[in-house]
Protein backbone atom coordinates (compact mmCIF):
# COMPACT_ATOMS: atom_id res chain seq x y z
CA UNK A 1 60.39 -25.68 -47.53
CA UNK A 2 58.10 -22.99 -46.10
CA UNK A 3 55.62 -21.37 -48.55
CA UNK A 4 55.57 -17.63 -48.01
CA UNK A 5 52.83 -15.10 -48.80
CA UNK A 6 55.06 -13.69 -51.53
CA UNK A 7 55.11 -17.09 -53.18
CA UNK A 8 51.30 -17.20 -53.19
CA UNK A 9 50.76 -13.65 -54.54
CA UNK A 10 51.21 -13.21 -58.29
CA UNK A 11 52.07 -9.72 -59.58
CA UNK A 12 51.59 -9.45 -63.38
CA UNK A 13 54.95 -8.62 -65.00
CA UNK A 14 55.62 -6.19 -67.85
CA UNK A 15 55.82 -9.15 -70.20
CA UNK A 16 52.48 -10.56 -68.97
CA UNK A 17 50.69 -7.20 -69.46
CA UNK A 18 52.39 -6.37 -72.80
CA UNK A 19 51.56 -9.78 -74.27
CA UNK A 20 48.03 -9.98 -73.00
CA UNK A 21 46.92 -6.42 -73.70
CA UNK A 22 49.23 -5.69 -76.66
CA UNK A 23 50.85 -2.60 -75.12
CA UNK A 24 53.50 -0.92 -77.25
CA UNK A 25 56.98 -1.78 -76.03
CA UNK A 26 58.44 1.46 -77.46
CA UNK A 27 56.72 3.84 -75.00
CA UNK A 28 58.85 5.68 -72.49
CA UNK A 29 58.84 4.29 -68.90
CA UNK A 30 56.16 6.62 -67.55
CA UNK A 31 53.80 5.97 -70.54
CA UNK A 32 54.39 2.16 -70.22
CA UNK A 33 53.57 2.21 -66.47
CA UNK A 34 50.52 4.33 -67.16
CA UNK A 35 49.38 1.88 -69.94
CA UNK A 36 49.92 -1.10 -67.60
CA UNK A 37 47.88 0.47 -64.86
CA UNK A 38 45.11 1.55 -67.23
CA UNK A 39 44.98 -1.92 -68.79
CA UNK A 40 44.56 -3.51 -65.40
CA UNK A 41 42.11 -0.78 -64.31
CA UNK A 42 39.91 -1.59 -67.32
CA UNK A 43 40.34 -5.39 -67.03
CA UNK A 44 36.96 -7.15 -67.12
CA UNK A 45 35.87 -10.55 -65.91
CA UNK A 46 36.20 -11.78 -69.52
CA UNK A 47 39.85 -10.71 -69.55
CA UNK A 48 40.46 -12.32 -66.21
CA UNK A 49 39.04 -15.68 -67.39
CA UNK A 50 41.42 -15.60 -70.41
CA UNK A 51 44.47 -14.97 -68.17
CA UNK A 52 45.09 -18.43 -66.89
CA UNK A 53 46.04 -18.66 -63.22
CA UNK A 54 45.35 -15.05 -62.38
CA UNK A 55 42.92 -14.58 -59.49
CA UNK A 56 40.89 -11.47 -58.77
CA UNK A 57 43.19 -10.74 -55.78
CA UNK A 58 46.29 -11.09 -58.11
CA UNK A 59 44.66 -8.52 -60.43
CA UNK A 60 43.96 -6.10 -57.60
CA UNK A 61 47.42 -6.43 -56.13
CA UNK A 62 48.96 -6.07 -59.62
CA UNK A 63 46.94 -2.91 -60.19
CA UNK A 64 48.25 -1.43 -56.91
CA UNK A 65 51.82 -2.45 -57.81
CA UNK A 66 51.76 -0.82 -61.17
CA UNK A 67 50.17 2.34 -59.85
CA UNK A 68 52.89 2.62 -57.29
CA UNK A 69 55.49 2.13 -60.06
CA UNK A 70 53.76 4.89 -62.01
CA UNK A 71 53.70 7.14 -58.97
CA UNK A 72 57.42 6.54 -58.28
CA UNK A 73 58.30 7.27 -61.95
CA UNK A 74 56.24 10.47 -61.84
CA UNK A 75 58.12 11.55 -58.71
CA UNK A 76 61.45 10.98 -60.51
CA UNK A 77 60.29 13.14 -63.42
CA UNK A 78 58.25 15.83 -61.61
CA UNK A 79 58.72 15.61 -57.90
CA UNK A 80 56.13 14.66 -55.32
CA UNK A 81 52.49 15.08 -56.47
CA UNK A 82 49.94 14.93 -53.69
CA UNK A 83 47.31 13.94 -56.25
CA UNK A 84 49.20 10.62 -56.83
CA UNK A 85 49.41 10.05 -53.06
CA UNK A 86 45.65 10.61 -52.75
CA UNK A 87 44.99 8.30 -55.68
CA UNK A 88 47.24 5.56 -54.20
CA UNK A 89 45.40 5.80 -50.93
CA UNK A 90 42.05 5.70 -52.75
CA UNK A 91 43.18 2.61 -54.69
CA UNK A 92 44.33 0.97 -51.40
CA UNK A 93 40.93 1.58 -49.89
CA UNK A 94 39.08 0.32 -53.01
CA UNK A 95 41.05 -2.91 -52.92
CA UNK A 96 40.21 -3.24 -49.25
CA UNK A 97 36.49 -2.47 -49.60
CA UNK A 98 35.54 -3.89 -53.00
CA UNK A 99 37.72 -6.90 -53.41
CA UNK A 100 34.75 -9.26 -52.95
CA UNK A 101 37.24 -11.76 -51.67
CA UNK A 102 37.31 -13.76 -48.50
CA UNK A 103 39.03 -11.01 -46.66
CA UNK A 104 41.62 -11.41 -44.01
CA UNK A 105 42.98 -7.98 -42.86
CA UNK A 106 46.28 -9.48 -41.71
CA UNK A 107 46.91 -11.06 -45.10
CA UNK A 108 45.83 -7.88 -46.89
CA UNK A 109 48.24 -5.71 -44.79
CA UNK A 110 51.10 -8.17 -45.43
CA UNK A 111 50.43 -8.18 -49.20
CA UNK A 112 50.31 -4.42 -49.41
CA UNK A 113 53.59 -4.13 -47.49
CA UNK A 114 55.28 -6.67 -49.78
CA UNK A 115 54.12 -4.67 -52.88
CA UNK A 116 55.25 -1.37 -51.36
CA UNK A 117 58.65 -2.83 -50.47
CA UNK A 118 58.99 -4.29 -54.01
CA UNK A 119 58.40 -0.92 -55.60
CA UNK A 120 60.71 0.91 -53.14
CA UNK A 121 63.56 -1.52 -53.65
CA UNK A 122 63.54 -1.59 -57.42
């Protein structure tokens, strides 16, 4: 059986984030996605060490995923907001520039496309 890039990349789920960071399950969808993104944005090395099996790249890709979910929910509620588009692009660039990981542009591009497709198809 062939192991795909999607199999190797772990995106933190709602349950993962709720359980680890103690986020209120009673928030509306927009507030939940915002809370997920903020929790990941403020995640420190200490948090990362406590989250078994989560690599720095998993954290970065999860942050991008939850921001895109937040952006999509905002568009449903309020229409297109150029500020969200700019912020998504900035996050994309930050992941690219500051990951501190052994960086392979081809893998990065494939991971980003997988994440964007996941969000669009949900």
